[in-house]
């Protein structure tokens, strides 16, 4: 099967773009205040506003990074596994299907919780479905791929799969 990518929802970029535009206004305002106040006898205030200006620029750069990242696919799924792009990192995280022990919804959120075996220990990874466009199609494709590699659907639990013989159901909130 060919790799299929699922983009971020459009609101992720538009919200970030709006925050960046407002951020530019705040940075300009803080820069103006810092420039006016530092020439005054209240130089300490000027230095304080200068620090705020520096933090504002750092915040703006963080928003620009998120906006740039949201232009890439949120999730790419292929026959070997899936890659998902957290907004706060530069590189996607890879989850190979061969190491997946269980997948289920994270209680109280719109996230999927992956338990992946790494070096004999189960590690958790979370995928925020709220930012994935076409999440229903993604979940259908994910389910098909998981079942193809031998995971089974957990009876009575939506969006949940596990490896046959896996004994950590309580960790996933199944059966007590």
Protein backbone atom coordinates (compact mmCIF):
# COMPACT_ATOMS: atom_id res chain seq x y z
CA UNK A 1 0.00 0.00 0.00
CA UNK A 2 1.11 3.52 -0.72
CA UNK A 3 1.81 6.01 2.02
CA UNK A 4 -1.10 8.31 2.79
CA UNK A 5 -0.72 11.68 4.47
CA UNK A 6 -3.24 13.58 6.54
CA UNK A 7 -2.72 17.33 6.90
CA UNK A 8 -3.22 19.54 9.91
CA UNK A 9 -6.65 21.15 10.14
CA UNK A 10 -6.68 24.63 8.56
CA UNK A 11 -7.46 26.36 11.88
CA UNK A 12 -4.02 25.40 13.21
CA UNK A 13 -2.24 27.64 10.71
CA UNK A 14 -4.85 30.41 10.68
CA UNK A 15 -4.90 30.70 14.47
CA UNK A 16 -1.12 30.78 14.60
CA UNK A 17 -1.00 33.39 11.82
CA UNK A 18 -3.46 35.58 13.75
CA UNK A 19 -1.41 35.23 16.93
CA UNK A 20 1.75 36.15 14.99
CA UNK A 21 0.11 39.30 13.59
CA UNK A 22 -1.06 40.36 17.05
CA UNK A 23 2.38 39.45 18.35
CA UNK A 24 4.03 41.81 15.85
CA UNK A 25 1.84 44.62 17.19
CA UNK A 26 2.80 43.82 20.77
CA UNK A 27 6.50 43.59 19.87
CA UNK A 28 6.36 46.96 18.08
CA UNK A 29 4.54 48.51 21.04
CA UNK A 30 7.04 47.08 23.54
CA UNK A 31 9.94 48.16 21.33
CA UNK A 32 8.55 51.71 21.18
CA UNK A 33 8.08 51.84 24.95
CA UNK A 34 11.61 50.48 25.50
CA UNK A 35 13.06 53.09 23.12
CA UNK A 36 11.17 55.97 24.78
CA UNK A 37 11.80 54.86 28.37
CA UNK A 38 15.49 54.01 28.05
CA UNK A 39 16.32 57.60 27.07
CA UNK A 40 14.58 58.81 30.21
CA UNK A 41 15.97 58.94 33.73
CA UNK A 42 14.04 55.71 34.34
CA UNK A 43 16.63 53.53 32.56
CA UNK A 44 15.70 50.51 34.68
CA UNK A 45 12.21 50.61 33.15
CA UNK A 46 13.79 50.73 29.72
CA UNK A 47 15.89 47.64 30.47
CA UNK A 48 12.79 45.87 31.79
CA UNK A 49 10.86 46.63 28.62
CA UNK A 50 13.90 45.52 26.62
CA UNK A 51 13.74 42.12 28.32
CA UNK A 52 10.01 41.92 27.55
CA UNK A 53 10.79 42.79 23.95
CA UNK A 54 13.35 39.95 23.77
CA UNK A 55 10.83 37.45 25.19
CA UNK A 56 8.17 38.73 22.80
CA UNK A 57 10.49 38.11 19.86
CA UNK A 58 11.22 34.60 21.13
CA UNK A 59 7.48 33.94 21.46
CA UNK A 60 6.90 35.27 17.94
CA UNK A 61 9.65 32.99 16.58
CA UNK A 62 7.97 30.02 18.33
CA UNK A 63 4.66 30.88 16.67
CA UNK A 64 6.39 31.16 13.29
CA UNK A 65 7.86 27.67 13.81
CA UNK A 66 4.43 26.25 14.65
CA UNK A 67 2.90 27.94 11.59
CA UNK A 68 5.65 26.50 9.38
CA UNK A 69 5.27 23.01 10.88
CA UNK A 70 1.48 23.06 10.39
CA UNK A 71 2.10 23.37 6.65
CA UNK A 72 3.49 19.82 6.64
CA UNK A 73 1.44 16.62 7.02
CA UNK A 74 0.20 15.97 10.56
CA UNK A 75 0.35 12.18 10.04
CA UNK A 76 1.79 9.95 7.33
CA UNK A 77 0.77 6.31 7.45
CA UNK A 78 2.27 3.49 5.42
CA UNK A 79 2.45 -0.29 5.66
CA UNK A 80 5.36 -0.22 8.15
CA UNK A 81 4.01 2.35 10.61
CA UNK A 82 3.09 5.96 11.00
CA UNK A 83 4.91 9.24 11.42
CA UNK A 84 3.30 12.13 13.23
CA UNK A 85 4.50 15.70 13.49
CA UNK A 86 4.23 17.30 16.92
CA UNK A 87 3.90 21.07 16.50
CA UNK A 88 6.72 21.74 18.97
CA UNK A 89 9.39 19.59 17.24
CA UNK A 90 11.24 19.91 13.96
CA UNK A 91 11.18 16.23 13.00
CA UNK A 92 8.27 13.81 12.95
CA UNK A 93 8.11 10.91 15.41
CA UNK A 94 7.94 7.42 13.93
CA UNK A 95 5.85 4.58 15.36
CA UNK A 96 6.52 1.20 13.71
CA UNK A 97 3.50 -1.09 13.78
CA UNK A 98 5.75 -4.03 14.71
CA UNK A 99 6.35 -2.54 18.17
CA UNK A 100 2.79 -1.48 18.98
CA UNK A 101 1.32 -3.26 22.00
CA UNK A 102 -1.93 -1.31 22.26
CA UNK A 103 -3.73 1.80 21.10
CA UNK A 104 -6.69 3.48 22.71
CA UNK A 105 -8.22 6.87 23.35
CA UNK A 106 -6.67 9.01 26.05
CA UNK A 107 -9.45 9.62 28.57
CA UNK A 108 -10.83 13.16 28.56
CA UNK A 109 -9.03 14.22 25.37
CA UNK A 110 -9.21 13.82 21.62
CA UNK A 111 -5.88 11.99 21.63
CA UNK A 112 -4.84 8.46 20.82
CA UNK A 113 -2.54 6.77 23.30
CA UNK A 114 0.01 4.40 21.77
CA UNK A 115 1.88 1.89 23.91
CA UNK A 116 5.00 0.90 22.04
CA UNK A 117 7.51 -1.73 23.13
CA UNK A 118 11.04 -0.34 23.17
CA UNK A 119 13.88 -2.36 24.67
CA UNK A 120 11.41 -4.59 26.53
CA UNK A 121 9.54 -1.70 28.13
CA UNK A 122 6.20 -0.21 27.11
CA UNK A 123 6.51 3.51 26.30
CA UNK A 124 3.58 5.87 25.76
CA UNK A 125 3.14 8.21 22.83
CA UNK A 126 0.16 10.48 22.25
CA UNK A 127 -1.30 11.68 18.97
CA UNK A 128 -3.65 14.67 19.19
CA UNK A 129 -6.47 13.87 16.78
CA UNK A 130 -8.00 17.34 17.22
CA UNK A 131 -5.42 18.83 14.86
CA UNK A 132 -5.66 16.10 12.17
CA UNK A 133 -7.85 16.88 9.18
CA UNK A 134 -9.93 13.90 7.99
CA UNK A 135 -9.40 12.10 11.29
CA UNK A 136 -12.17 9.58 10.57
CA UNK A 137 -10.47 8.49 7.35
CA UNK A 138 -7.16 8.37 9.22
CA UNK A 139 -8.67 6.13 11.92
CA UNK A 140 -10.13 3.80 9.30
CA UNK A 141 -6.77 3.48 7.55
CA UNK A 142 -4.97 3.06 10.89
CA UNK A 143 -7.38 0.32 11.97
CA UNK A 144 -6.96 -1.52 8.69
CA UNK A 145 -3.17 -1.37 8.94
CA UNK A 146 -3.15 -2.46 12.59
CA UNK A 147 -5.39 -5.43 11.85
CA UNK A 148 -3.27 -6.29 8.82
CA UNK A 149 -0.17 -6.58 11.04
CA UNK A 150 -1.97 -8.72 13.62
CA UNK A 151 -3.47 -6.38 16.21
CA UNK A 152 -7.09 -7.01 17.16
CA UNK A 153 -9.93 -4.61 17.81
CA UNK A 154 -10.79 -4.40 21.52
CA UNK A 155 -14.43 -5.51 21.89
CA UNK A 156 -16.73 -2.75 23.11
CA UNK A 157 -14.03 -0.05 22.92
CA UNK A 158 -14.05 2.50 20.15
CA UNK A 159 -10.67 3.38 18.56
CA UNK A 160 -8.87 0.66 20.53
CA UNK A 161 -6.61 -2.16 19.34
CA UNK A 162 -4.16 -4.49 21.09
CA UNK A 163 -1.67 -7.17 20.29
CA UNK A 164 -3.12 -10.66 20.97
CA UNK A 165 -1.86 -11.96 24.30
CA UNK A 166 -0.99 -8.51 25.61
CA UNK A 167 -1.79 -8.46 29.33
CA UNK A 168 -1.81 -4.73 30.01
CA UNK A 169 -5.51 -4.07 29.46
CA UNK A 170 -5.80 -2.34 32.84
CA UNK A 171 -3.21 0.18 31.65
CA UNK A 172 -5.51 1.05 28.76
CA UNK A 173 -8.61 1.23 30.97
CA UNK A 174 -10.10 -2.03 29.69
CA UNK A 175 -11.64 -4.53 32.08
CA UNK A 176 -10.94 -2.67 35.31
